[in-house]
Every structure is written in C-alpha cells, then in structure tokens.
Amino acid sequence: MVTSRRSARTAGAAGTIAVNAVLLVAGLYFLLPLVWVMIAATKSPADLFGTFGLWFSDSPQAWQNLIALFTQDGGAFTRWVINSIIYSGVGAFVAMVISAACGYAIAKFPFRGRDLLFSVILGGVLVPATVIALPLYFLLNTFGLTGTYWAVLLPSMVSPFGVYLARIHANASVPDEVIEAARLDGAGDLRIFGSMAARMMTPALVTIFLFQFVTIWNNYLLPLVMLNDTSTFPVTLGLTLWNGQTQRDPMFYSLVVAGSAVSALLLVALMTALQRFWRADLTAGATKG
C-alpha cells in the first residue's frame, strides 16, 4: 500500500513537471517574437542585421527610431494608428452589443427555428475570412462603400464567435427566475437586458470586445481588398506599404520594426487593462460550463 502511494505521488510529480515544462516552452515560443521586436526597435538599420537579434546594440537609438516613425511621410503612422483604433474600437464595440443581444435572445427566448439559427451562426465561425473577402467586396462595391471606412467597419461588426460566447454565458449567469421576477415588477425585455442581464454578462462582453478588437487590429486581408487610399490604411496595411520600400531605402527596416513594436505594445496595454474581466470570464466558464 505504501509503495503504491509513493508510486502515485511520483507519477503525479512527474506529470506536473511535464505539464509545467510544456507550458514554459509554449510561453517562450509566444514571447520570443515580442522580445525580438522590442529589442530590434532600438537598433539602427545596420545594427539590425549586424548584431545578435536577442541583444541590444552598443549604440541603441530607440528615441531616434520613434521620432522617425511618427514623422515619416508627414506623420502617416499616426494616421494609421488612429484608423486602426477607429476600425478596432468601433467594430469591436458594435460587435459586442450585437453579439450580446443575439446571444441573450437565443438563450432566453424560445422560438421556432432557434436551434437551426444558432447552428447557422456557429457555421459562420468555420468560414475562413479568405472565402468571404471577395463576395464582401462585390457587395459593398454595389453600394459604393469600397475605399471608405465603412468597407472595413461593417464586416467587423459581426462576430459569430461572440454570439456563441454570449449565449453560453447568458445561460450560465442570467437565471430565468431573475428575469421572471423583473417581468412581474413591470420591467420590459429591453430594460431587463440593458440594466440586469448585460451587467451579469459583463465578463463575457469584455472578452468578446477584446477578441474582436485584436482580430480587427491584426486583420490584413480585408483592408487590403477594400481600401485604396493610404490615408484610410490601418497599421497592418501601412507597415506592409513601408516594408515594400526597404529595398529602396534600408531605413524603412527600422521604421517597420519600430511600428510593429508600438502596435504590439498597444495591444499588450489593452489586454492588461481588461485582464481582470477576461480572467473572471474564463474562470466562470470553467466552473459553470
């Protein structure tokens, strides 16, 4: 009996070490590109290729790179950042509201075809963005919206995954008894959703917003298909434009790397600010799922 207990403890300890080792390797794998781009953003074009990638050069010029980044082409990078904030912020917020309303309605209102509708929405999660990019272009071009902010905003306002997450969280965190009690007190469905259900679903709403914001911010294909004016470009498309000029002027290497570092830092700041809501939602999903 004692031997079997010792064997079980040994096996448990070995399993814990193996899991932690895998997590450590995964963490290093995902952090390595971020560390590299942060260090590379402090280097000159010559040091960028002439020094070890994961260590600083002897003559760092992070401040000079930042000044060049925000002054190149008349401050084009600042416009691209503002455009990305508009696309990501507005798109993610509207997607969050639509997903919350749709997910709550599917979870709490029985109607004919509800399961079929939800299955169709789930099918939207499996459709690759490359498949719908061209049809979206033709559709928006029919209404004269291509080349405008709306060409990127409108497709970004829909999140099938957000609807799925909102429905799951509404089922788990919004009791039917609370809804019935509010109706008995004379509250309408819109008021119940806006003042009660939305508050109970706050962790899920923040998670939907965060996921959609990051997805829109990193989206490259949709702006590439829809936009033709550099003044409407997001960061992803703008940095790609500069990257195409590196053969003409090596200085653009430093600009692209510094711009990538600034873009990554903005996302890290957003995720850090919303982390407590996000972690609360993951915990709720683990305990209530």
C-alpha atoms as a PDB file:
ATOM      1  CA  MET A   1       0.000   0.000   0.000  1.00  0.00           C
ATOM      2  CA  VAL A   2       2.805   2.414   0.938  1.00  0.00           C
ATOM      3  CA  THR A   3       4.664   1.553  -2.250  1.00  0.00           C
ATOM      4  CA  SER A   4       1.616   2.211  -4.409  1.00  0.00           C
ATOM      5  CA  ARG A   5       1.072   5.589  -2.749  1.00  0.00           C
ATOM      6  CA  ARG A   6       4.686   6.551  -3.337  1.00  0.00           C
ATOM      7  CA  SER A   7       4.391   5.483  -6.977  1.00  0.00           C
ATOM      8  CA  ALA A   8       1.232   7.568  -7.385  1.00  0.00           C
ATOM      9  CA  ARG A   9       2.933  10.616  -5.857  1.00  0.00           C
ATOM     10  CA  THR A  10       5.984  10.131  -8.055  1.00  0.00           C
ATOM     11  CA  ALA A  11       3.796   9.815 -11.134  1.00  0.00           C
ATOM     12  CA  GLY A  12       1.832  12.917 -10.108  1.00  0.00           C
ATOM     13  CA  ALA A  13       5.008  14.924  -9.566  1.00  0.00           C
ATOM     14  CA  ALA A  14       6.393  13.782 -12.919  1.00  0.00           C
ATOM     15  CA  GLY A  15       3.149  14.763 -14.625  1.00  0.00           C
ATOM     16  CA  THR A  16       3.229  18.202 -13.010  1.00  0.00           C
ATOM     17  CA  ILE A  17       6.815  18.752 -14.120  1.00  0.00           C
ATOM     18  CA  ALA A  18       5.980  17.646 -17.658  1.00  0.00           C
ATOM     19  CA  VAL A  19       2.968  19.975 -17.865  1.00  0.00           C
ATOM     20  CA  ASN A  20       4.945  22.923 -16.500  1.00  0.00           C
ATOM     21  CA  ALA A  21       7.761  22.213 -18.943  1.00  0.00           C
ATOM     22  CA  VAL A  22       5.345  22.211 -21.877  1.00  0.00           C
ATOM     23  CA  LEU A  23       3.775  25.461 -20.662  1.00  0.00           C
ATOM     24  CA  LEU A  24       7.225  27.021 -20.258  1.00  0.00           C
ATOM     25  CA  VAL A  25       8.220  26.053 -23.803  1.00  0.00           C
ATOM     26  CA  ALA A  26       4.901  27.375 -25.157  1.00  0.00           C
ATOM     27  CA  GLY A  27       5.335  30.631 -23.241  1.00  0.00           C
ATOM     28  CA  LEU A  28       8.845  31.116 -24.602  1.00  0.00           C
ATOM     29  CA  TYR A  29       7.631  30.308 -28.109  1.00  0.00           C
ATOM     30  CA  PHE A  30       4.972  33.032 -27.997  1.00  0.00           C
ATOM     31  CA  LEU A  31       7.107  35.600 -26.155  1.00  0.00           C
ATOM     32  CA  LEU A  32      10.205  35.232 -28.322  1.00  0.00           C
ATOM     33  CA  PRO A  33       8.890  37.253 -31.317  1.00  0.00           C
ATOM     34  CA  LEU A  34       7.665  40.007 -28.979  1.00  0.00           C
ATOM     35  CA  VAL A  35      11.034  40.205 -27.213  1.00  0.00           C
ATOM     36  CA  TRP A  36      12.843  40.250 -30.547  1.00  0.00           C
ATOM     37  CA  VAL A  37      10.762  43.086 -31.992  1.00  0.00           C
ATOM     38  CA  MET A  38      11.143  45.172 -28.813  1.00  0.00           C
ATOM     39  CA  ILE A  39      14.921  44.821 -28.912  1.00  0.00           C
ATOM     40  CA  ALA A  40      15.112  45.324 -32.682  1.00  0.00           C
ATOM     41  CA  ALA A  41      13.108  48.550 -32.377  1.00  0.00           C
ATOM     42  CA  THR A  42      16.095  50.110 -30.574  1.00  0.00           C
ATOM     43  CA  LYS A  43      18.596  49.383 -33.361  1.00  0.00           C
ATOM     44  CA  SER A  44      19.766  51.214 -36.447  1.00  0.00           C
ATOM     45  CA  PRO A  45      19.327  49.550 -39.872  1.00  0.00           C
ATOM     46  CA  ALA A  46      22.978  48.488 -39.831  1.00  0.00           C
ATOM     47  CA  ASP A  47      22.800  47.009 -36.309  1.00  0.00           C
ATOM     48  CA  LEU A  48      19.505  45.319 -37.150  1.00  0.00           C
ATOM     49  CA  PHE A  49      21.315  42.801 -39.340  1.00  0.00           C
ATOM     50  CA  GLY A  50      24.828  43.090 -37.915  1.00  0.00           C
ATOM     51  CA  THR A  51      24.150  42.200 -34.263  1.00  0.00           C
ATOM     52  CA  PHE A  52      22.580  39.317 -32.357  1.00  0.00           C
ATOM     53  CA  GLY A  53      18.800  39.592 -32.594  1.00  0.00           C
ATOM     54  CA  LEU A  54      18.045  38.998 -28.912  1.00  0.00           C
ATOM     55  CA  TRP A  55      20.518  41.526 -27.516  1.00  0.00           C
ATOM     56  CA  PHE A  56      20.868  45.307 -27.674  1.00  0.00           C
ATOM     57  CA  SER A  57      23.435  47.011 -29.875  1.00  0.00           C
ATOM     58  CA  ASP A  58      26.267  49.109 -28.481  1.00  0.00           C
ATOM     59  CA  SER A  59      24.631  52.297 -29.775  1.00  0.00           C
ATOM     60  CA  PRO A  60      20.858  51.996 -29.248  1.00  0.00           C
ATOM     61  CA  GLN A  61      18.667  54.612 -30.888  1.00  0.00           C
ATOM     62  CA  ALA A  62      15.165  53.847 -29.721  1.00  0.00           C
ATOM     63  CA  TRP A  63      14.232  57.521 -29.396  1.00  0.00           C
ATOM     64  CA  GLN A  64      15.527  58.383 -32.868  1.00  0.00           C
ATOM     65  CA  ASN A  65      13.563  55.475 -34.319  1.00  0.00           C
ATOM     66  CA  LEU A  66      10.377  56.677 -32.634  1.00  0.00           C
ATOM     67  CA  ILE A  67      10.843  60.217 -33.930  1.00  0.00           C
ATOM     68  CA  ALA A  68      11.445  58.927 -37.439  1.00  0.00           C
ATOM     69  CA  LEU A  69       8.438  56.608 -37.142  1.00  0.00           C
ATOM     70  CA  PHE A  70       5.988  59.387 -36.283  1.00  0.00           C
ATOM     71  CA  THR A  71       7.407  61.957 -38.709  1.00  0.00           C
ATOM     72  CA  GLN A  72       7.938  59.814 -41.816  1.00  0.00           C
ATOM     73  CA  ASP A  73       5.657  60.700 -44.762  1.00  0.00           C
ATOM     74  CA  GLY A  74       4.071  63.592 -42.903  1.00  0.00           C
ATOM     75  CA  GLY A  75       3.043  61.546 -39.869  1.00  0.00           C
ATOM     76  CA  ALA A  76       1.449  58.697 -41.826  1.00  0.00           C
ATOM     77  CA  PHE A  77       1.966  56.218 -38.975  1.00  0.00           C
ATOM     78  CA  THR A  78      -0.103  58.367 -36.611  1.00  0.00           C
ATOM     79  CA  ARG A  79      -2.978  58.333 -39.118  1.00  0.00           C
ATOM     80  CA  TRP A  80      -2.673  54.573 -39.463  1.00  0.00           C
ATOM     81  CA  VAL A  81      -2.784  54.084 -35.703  1.00  0.00           C
ATOM     82  CA  ILE A  82      -5.860  56.313 -35.413  1.00  0.00           C
ATOM     83  CA  ASN A  83      -7.505  54.394 -38.262  1.00  0.00           C
ATOM     84  CA  SER A  84      -6.766  51.084 -36.535  1.00  0.00           C
ATOM     85  CA  ILE A  85      -8.226  52.408 -33.289  1.00  0.00           C
ATOM     86  CA  ILE A  86     -11.372  53.510 -35.133  1.00  0.00           C
ATOM     87  CA  TYR A  87     -11.739  50.225 -37.005  1.00  0.00           C
ATOM     88  CA  SER A  88     -10.998  48.075 -33.971  1.00  0.00           C
ATOM     89  CA  GLY A  89     -12.734  50.156 -31.291  1.00  0.00           C
ATOM     90  CA  VAL A  90     -15.964  50.892 -33.147  1.00  0.00           C
ATOM     91  CA  GLY A  91     -16.128  47.485 -34.807  1.00  0.00           C
ATOM     92  CA  ALA A  92     -15.452  45.595 -31.573  1.00  0.00           C
ATOM     93  CA  PHE A  93     -17.950  47.666 -29.569  1.00  0.00           C
ATOM     94  CA  VAL A  94     -20.784  47.230 -32.079  1.00  0.00           C
ATOM     95  CA  ALA A  95     -19.949  43.529 -32.455  1.00  0.00           C
ATOM     96  CA  MET A  96     -20.062  43.176 -28.676  1.00  0.00           C
ATOM     97  CA  VAL A  97     -23.513  44.805 -28.455  1.00  0.00           C
ATOM     98  CA  ILE A  98     -24.947  42.785 -31.344  1.00  0.00           C
ATOM     99  CA  SER A  99     -23.447  39.542 -30.028  1.00  0.00           C
ATOM    100  CA  ALA A 100     -24.764  40.172 -26.518  1.00  0.00           C
ATOM    101  CA  ALA A 101     -28.288  40.924 -27.732  1.00  0.00           C
ATOM    102  CA  CYS A 102     -28.347  37.994 -30.150  1.00  0.00           C
ATOM    103  CA  GLY A 103     -26.829  35.518 -27.701  1.00  0.00           C
ATOM    104  CA  TYR A 104     -29.178  36.608 -24.909  1.00  0.00           C
ATOM    105  CA  ALA A 105     -32.222  36.328 -27.176  1.00  0.00           C
ATOM    106  CA  ILE A 106     -31.276  32.839 -28.366  1.00  0.00           C
ATOM    107  CA  ALA A 107     -30.610  31.727 -24.785  1.00  0.00           C
ATOM    108  CA  LYS A 108     -33.708  33.151 -23.106  1.00  0.00           C
ATOM    109  CA  PHE A 109     -36.466  33.404 -25.733  1.00  0.00           C
ATOM    110  CA  PRO A 110     -37.839  30.122 -27.131  1.00  0.00           C
ATOM    111  CA  PHE A 111     -38.959  30.446 -30.756  1.00  0.00           C
ATOM    112  CA  ARG A 112     -39.322  28.194 -33.772  1.00  0.00           C
ATOM    113  CA  GLY A 113     -36.047  27.502 -35.539  1.00  0.00           C
ATOM    114  CA  ARG A 114     -33.885  28.688 -32.647  1.00  0.00           C
ATOM    115  CA  ASP A 115     -31.521  25.727 -32.743  1.00  0.00           C
ATOM    116  CA  LEU A 116     -31.251  25.919 -36.534  1.00  0.00           C
ATOM    117  CA  LEU A 117     -30.444  29.629 -36.360  1.00  0.00           C
ATOM    118  CA  PHE A 118     -27.765  29.010 -33.750  1.00  0.00           C
ATOM    119  CA  SER A 119     -26.276  26.225 -35.873  1.00  0.00           C
ATOM    120  CA  VAL A 120     -26.080  28.570 -38.848  1.00  0.00           C
ATOM    121  CA  ILE A 121     -24.341  31.196 -36.700  1.00  0.00           C
ATOM    122  CA  LEU A 122     -21.888  28.593 -35.451  1.00  0.00           C
ATOM    123  CA  GLY A 123     -21.204  27.681 -39.059  1.00  0.00           C
ATOM    124  CA  GLY A 124     -20.040  31.249 -39.568  1.00  0.00           C
ATOM    125  CA  VAL A 125     -17.171  30.585 -37.147  1.00  0.00           C
ATOM    126  CA  LEU A 126     -15.838  27.912 -39.503  1.00  0.00           C
ATOM    127  CA  VAL A 127     -15.888  30.074 -42.647  1.00  0.00           C
ATOM    128  CA  PRO A 128     -12.369  31.390 -43.432  1.00  0.00           C
ATOM    129  CA  ALA A 129     -12.019  35.125 -43.980  1.00  0.00           C
ATOM    130  CA  THR A 130     -10.383  34.496 -47.356  1.00  0.00           C
ATOM    131  CA  VAL A 131     -13.567  32.844 -48.635  1.00  0.00           C
ATOM    132  CA  ILE A 132     -15.845  35.804 -47.954  1.00  0.00           C
ATOM    133  CA  ALA A 133     -13.413  38.651 -48.747  1.00  0.00           C
ATOM    134  CA  LEU A 134     -14.208  38.800 -52.475  1.00  0.00           C
ATOM    135  CA  PRO A 135     -18.019  38.449 -52.096  1.00  0.00           C
ATOM    136  CA  LEU A 136     -17.911  41.189 -49.477  1.00  0.00           C
ATOM    137  CA  TYR A 137     -16.004  43.410 -51.882  1.00  0.00           C
ATOM    138  CA  PHE A 138     -18.592  42.963 -54.646  1.00  0.00           C
ATOM    139  CA  LEU A 139     -21.459  43.506 -52.194  1.00  0.00           C
ATOM    140  CA  LEU A 140     -20.037  46.707 -50.701  1.00  0.00           C
ATOM    141  CA  ASN A 141     -18.902  47.938 -54.106  1.00  0.00           C
ATOM    142  CA  THR A 142     -22.518  47.741 -55.269  1.00  0.00           C
ATOM    143  CA  PHE A 143     -23.390  50.355 -52.655  1.00  0.00           C
ATOM    144  CA  GLY A 144     -20.285  52.447 -53.357  1.00  0.00           C
ATOM    145  CA  LEU A 145     -18.699  51.770 -49.975  1.00  0.00           C
ATOM    146  CA  THR A 146     -15.374  50.288 -51.075  1.00  0.00           C
ATOM    147  CA  GLY A 147     -12.438  52.574 -50.359  1.00  0.00           C
ATOM    148  CA  THR A 148     -14.226  54.078 -47.332  1.00  0.00           C
ATOM    149  CA  TYR A 149     -14.096  53.395 -43.602  1.00  0.00           C
ATOM    150  CA  TRP A 150     -17.424  51.580 -43.851  1.00  0.00           C
ATOM    151  CA  ALA A 151     -15.860  48.889 -46.054  1.00  0.00           C
ATOM    152  CA  VAL A 152     -13.812  47.721 -43.072  1.00  0.00           C
ATOM    153  CA  LEU A 153     -16.203  48.677 -40.278  1.00  0.00           C
ATOM    154  CA  LEU A 154     -19.361  46.915 -41.472  1.00  0.00           C
ATOM    155  CA  PRO A 155     -17.865  43.402 -41.821  1.00  0.00           C
ATOM    156  CA  SER A 156     -16.088  43.885 -38.478  1.00  0.00           C
ATOM    157  CA  MET A 157     -19.353  44.496 -36.644  1.00  0.00           C
ATOM    158  CA  VAL A 158     -20.377  40.838 -36.890  1.00  0.00           C
ATOM    159  CA  SER A 159     -18.865  38.142 -34.670  1.00  0.00           C
ATOM    160  CA  PRO A 160     -20.347  34.619 -34.812  1.00  0.00           C
ATOM    161  CA  PHE A 161     -17.991  33.524 -32.053  1.00  0.00           C
ATOM    162  CA  GLY A 162     -19.224  36.442 -29.948  1.00  0.00           C
ATOM    163  CA  VAL A 163     -22.832  35.255 -30.347  1.00  0.00           C
ATOM    164  CA  TYR A 164     -21.806  31.767 -29.275  1.00  0.00           C
ATOM    165  CA  LEU A 165     -19.947  33.040 -26.206  1.00  0.00           C
ATOM    166  CA  ALA A 166     -22.798  35.392 -25.256  1.00  0.00           C
ATOM    167  CA  ARG A 167     -25.355  32.590 -25.452  1.00  0.00           C
ATOM    168  CA  ILE A 168     -23.253  30.260 -23.301  1.00  0.00           C
ATOM    169  CA  HIS A 169     -22.660  32.961 -20.708  1.00  0.00           C
ATOM    170  CA  ALA A 170     -26.301  34.096 -20.703  1.00  0.00           C
ATOM    171  CA  ASN A 171     -27.405  30.540 -19.955  1.00  0.00           C
ATOM    172  CA  ALA A 172     -24.848  30.252 -17.164  1.00  0.00           C
ATOM    173  CA  SER A 173     -25.050  33.652 -15.477  1.00  0.00           C
ATOM    174  CA  VAL A 174     -28.575  35.028 -16.060  1.00  0.00           C
ATOM    175  CA  PRO A 175     -31.110  32.958 -14.062  1.00  0.00           C
ATOM    176  CA  ASP A 176     -34.601  32.604 -15.521  1.00  0.00           C
ATOM    177  CA  GLU A 177     -36.031  33.348 -12.057  1.00  0.00           C
ATOM    178  CA  VAL A 178     -34.453  36.815 -12.085  1.00  0.00           C
ATOM    179  CA  ILE A 179     -35.978  37.568 -15.489  1.00  0.00           C
ATOM    180  CA  GLU A 180     -39.423  36.402 -14.384  1.00  0.00           C
ATOM    181  CA  ALA A 181     -39.214  38.445 -11.175  1.00  0.00           C
ATOM    182  CA  ALA A 182     -38.298  41.549 -13.166  1.00  0.00           C
ATOM    183  CA  ARG A 183     -41.228  40.981 -15.523  1.00  0.00           C
ATOM    184  CA  LEU A 184     -43.584  40.660 -12.571  1.00  0.00           C
ATOM    185  CA  ASP A 185     -42.296  44.022 -11.354  1.00  0.00           C
ATOM    186  CA  GLY A 186     -43.283  45.542 -14.710  1.00  0.00           C
ATOM    187  CA  ALA A 187     -39.901  45.711 -16.417  1.00  0.00           C
ATOM    188  CA  GLY A 188     -39.827  45.252 -20.190  1.00  0.00           C
ATOM    189  CA  ASP A 189     -37.478  42.923 -22.015  1.00  0.00           C
ATOM    190  CA  LEU A 190     -35.235  45.741 -23.236  1.00  0.00           C
ATOM    191  CA  ARG A 191     -34.888  47.124 -19.729  1.00  0.00           C
ATOM    192  CA  ILE A 192     -34.170  43.679 -18.306  1.00  0.00           C
ATOM    193  CA  PHE A 193     -31.470  43.122 -20.884  1.00  0.00           C
ATOM    194  CA  GLY A 194     -29.905  46.570 -20.566  1.00  0.00           C
ATOM    195  CA  SER A 195     -29.965  47.010 -16.798  1.00  0.00           C
ATOM    196  CA  MET A 196     -29.716  43.452 -15.485  1.00  0.00           C
ATOM    197  CA  ALA A 197     -28.612  40.831 -17.996  1.00  0.00           C
ATOM    198  CA  ALA A 198     -25.878  42.984 -19.532  1.00  0.00           C
ATOM    199  CA  ARG A 199     -24.335  43.556 -16.095  1.00  0.00           C
ATOM    200  CA  MET A 200     -24.408  39.847 -15.302  1.00  0.00           C
ATOM    201  CA  MET A 201     -22.785  39.166 -18.679  1.00  0.00           C
ATOM    202  CA  THR A 202     -20.076  41.829 -18.274  1.00  0.00           C
ATOM    203  CA  PRO A 203     -17.114  39.388 -18.189  1.00  0.00           C
ATOM    204  CA  ALA A 204     -18.302  37.768 -21.435  1.00  0.00           C
ATOM    205  CA  LEU A 205     -18.911  41.150 -23.060  1.00  0.00           C
ATOM    206  CA  VAL A 206     -15.393  42.314 -22.219  1.00  0.00           C
ATOM    207  CA  THR A 207     -13.999  39.059 -23.600  1.00  0.00           C
ATOM    208  CA  ILE A 208     -15.962  39.461 -26.832  1.00  0.00           C
ATOM    209  CA  PHE A 209     -14.747  43.042 -27.149  1.00  0.00           C
ATOM    210  CA  LEU A 210     -11.148  42.024 -26.540  1.00  0.00           C
ATOM    211  CA  PHE A 211     -11.179  39.135 -29.006  1.00  0.00           C
ATOM    212  CA  GLN A 212     -12.873  41.185 -31.700  1.00  0.00           C
ATOM    213  CA  PHE A 213     -10.590  44.184 -31.127  1.00  0.00           C
ATOM    214  CA  VAL A 214      -7.452  42.066 -31.540  1.00  0.00           C
ATOM    215  CA  THR A 215      -8.914  40.304 -34.585  1.00  0.00           C
ATOM    216  CA  ILE A 216      -9.733  43.587 -36.332  1.00  0.00           C
ATOM    217  CA  TRP A 217      -6.420  45.185 -35.329  1.00  0.00           C
ATOM    218  CA  ASN A 218      -4.435  42.307 -36.832  1.00  0.00           C
ATOM    219  CA  ASN A 219      -6.640  41.951 -39.908  1.00  0.00           C
ATOM    220  CA  TYR A 220      -4.672  42.425 -43.101  1.00  0.00           C
ATOM    221  CA  LEU A 221      -6.725  40.801 -45.874  1.00  0.00           C
ATOM    222  CA  LEU A 222      -9.938  42.806 -45.502  1.00  0.00           C
ATOM    223  CA  PRO A 223      -8.293  46.274 -45.621  1.00  0.00           C
ATOM    224  CA  LEU A 224      -6.092  45.082 -48.479  1.00  0.00           C
ATOM    225  CA  VAL A 225      -9.154  44.150 -50.534  1.00  0.00           C
ATOM    226  CA  MET A 226     -11.342  47.100 -49.558  1.00  0.00           C
ATOM    227  CA  LEU A 227      -9.033  50.137 -49.307  1.00  0.00           C
ATOM    228  CA  ASN A 228      -7.020  52.000 -51.931  1.00  0.00           C
ATOM    229  CA  ASP A 229      -6.234  55.315 -50.209  1.00  0.00           C
ATOM    230  CA  THR A 230      -3.233  55.325 -47.878  1.00  0.00           C
ATOM    231  CA  SER A 231      -4.972  57.839 -45.610  1.00  0.00           C
ATOM    232  CA  THR A 232      -7.529  55.155 -44.685  1.00  0.00           C
ATOM    233  CA  PHE A 233      -4.990  52.353 -44.149  1.00  0.00           C
ATOM    234  CA  PRO A 234      -4.744  50.623 -40.750  1.00  0.00           C
ATOM    235  CA  VAL A 235      -1.383  49.852 -39.158  1.00  0.00           C
ATOM    236  CA  THR A 236      -1.107  46.396 -40.734  1.00  0.00           C
ATOM    237  CA  LEU A 237      -1.525  47.682 -44.270  1.00  0.00           C
ATOM    238  CA  GLY A 238       0.595  50.786 -43.697  1.00  0.00           C
ATOM    239  CA  LEU A 239       3.557  48.842 -42.357  1.00  0.00           C
ATOM    240  CA  THR A 240       3.293  46.470 -45.317  1.00  0.00           C
ATOM    241  CA  LEU A 241       3.448  49.501 -47.606  1.00  0.00           C
ATOM    242  CA  TRP A 242       6.649  50.653 -45.915  1.00  0.00           C
ATOM    243  CA  ASN A 243       8.066  47.145 -45.963  1.00  0.00           C
ATOM    244  CA  GLY A 244       7.825  47.209 -49.762  1.00  0.00           C
ATOM    245  CA  GLN A 245      10.200  50.197 -49.802  1.00  0.00           C
ATOM    246  CA  THR A 246      13.015  48.591 -47.827  1.00  0.00           C
ATOM    247  CA  GLN A 247      14.940  47.684 -50.984  1.00  0.00           C
ATOM    248  CA  ARG A 248      14.970  51.343 -51.993  1.00  0.00           C
ATOM    249  CA  ASP A 249      15.877  52.700 -48.558  1.00  0.00           C
ATOM    250  CA  PRO A 250      17.122  50.421 -45.704  1.00  0.00           C
ATOM    251  CA  MET A 251      15.866  52.983 -43.191  1.00  0.00           C
ATOM    252  CA  PHE A 252      12.379  51.550 -43.678  1.00  0.00           C
ATOM    253  CA  TYR A 253      13.522  48.346 -41.950  1.00  0.00           C
ATOM    254  CA  SER A 254      13.830  50.268 -38.693  1.00  0.00           C
ATOM    255  CA  LEU A 255      10.533  52.042 -39.301  1.00  0.00           C
ATOM    256  CA  VAL A 256       8.661  48.787 -39.880  1.00  0.00           C
ATOM    257  CA  VAL A 257      10.178  47.149 -36.810  1.00  0.00           C
ATOM    258  CA  ALA A 258       9.515  50.184 -34.598  1.00  0.00           C
ATOM    259  CA  GLY A 259       5.949  50.413 -35.893  1.00  0.00           C
ATOM    260  CA  SER A 260       5.399  46.730 -35.163  1.00  0.00           C
ATOM    261  CA  ALA A 261       6.707  47.239 -31.628  1.00  0.00           C
ATOM    262  CA  VAL A 262       4.372  50.188 -30.997  1.00  0.00           C
ATOM    263  CA  SER A 263       1.425  48.228 -32.391  1.00  0.00           C
ATOM    264  CA  ALA A 264       2.217  45.249 -30.167  1.00  0.00           C
ATOM    265  CA  LEU A 265       2.600  47.460 -27.084  1.00  0.00           C
ATOM    266  CA  LEU A 266      -0.832  48.994 -27.668  1.00  0.00           C
ATOM    267  CA  LEU A 267      -2.413  45.535 -27.735  1.00  0.00           C
ATOM    268  CA  VAL A 268      -0.492  44.472 -24.631  1.00  0.00           C
ATOM    269  CA  ALA A 269      -1.717  47.590 -22.808  1.00  0.00           C
ATOM    270  CA  LEU A 270      -5.319  46.840 -23.794  1.00  0.00           C
ATOM    271  CA  MET A 271      -5.109  43.214 -22.690  1.00  0.00           C
ATOM    272  CA  THR A 272      -3.507  44.231 -19.397  1.00  0.00           C
ATOM    273  CA  ALA A 273      -6.268  46.767 -18.729  1.00  0.00           C
ATOM    274  CA  LEU A 274      -9.021  44.205 -19.398  1.00  0.00           C
ATOM    275  CA  GLN A 275      -7.233  41.208 -17.914  1.00  0.00           C
ATOM    276  CA  ARG A 276      -9.215  41.038 -14.675  1.00  0.00           C
ATOM    277  CA  PHE A 277     -12.510  40.847 -16.582  1.00  0.00           C
ATOM    278  CA  TRP A 278     -11.074  38.312 -19.018  1.00  0.00           C
ATOM    279  CA  ARG A 279      -9.740  36.027 -16.287  1.00  0.00           C
ATOM    280  CA  ALA A 280     -13.034  36.248 -14.423  1.00  0.00           C
ATOM    281  CA  ASP A 281     -14.858  35.126 -17.557  1.00  0.00           C
ATOM    282  CA  LEU A 282     -12.511  32.172 -18.136  1.00  0.00           C
ATOM    283  CA  THR A 283     -12.971  31.092 -14.520  1.00  0.00           C
ATOM    284  CA  ALA A 284     -16.749  31.344 -14.843  1.00  0.00           C
ATOM    285  CA  GLY A 285     -16.654  29.256 -17.985  1.00  0.00           C
ATOM    286  CA  ALA A 286     -14.556  26.591 -16.277  1.00  0.00           C
ATOM    287  CA  THR A 287     -16.858  26.309 -13.266  1.00  0.00           C
ATOM    288  CA  LYS A 288     -20.232  26.760 -14.924  1.00  0.00           C
ATOM    289  CA  GLY A 289     -19.688  25.098 -18.280  1.00  0.00           C
END
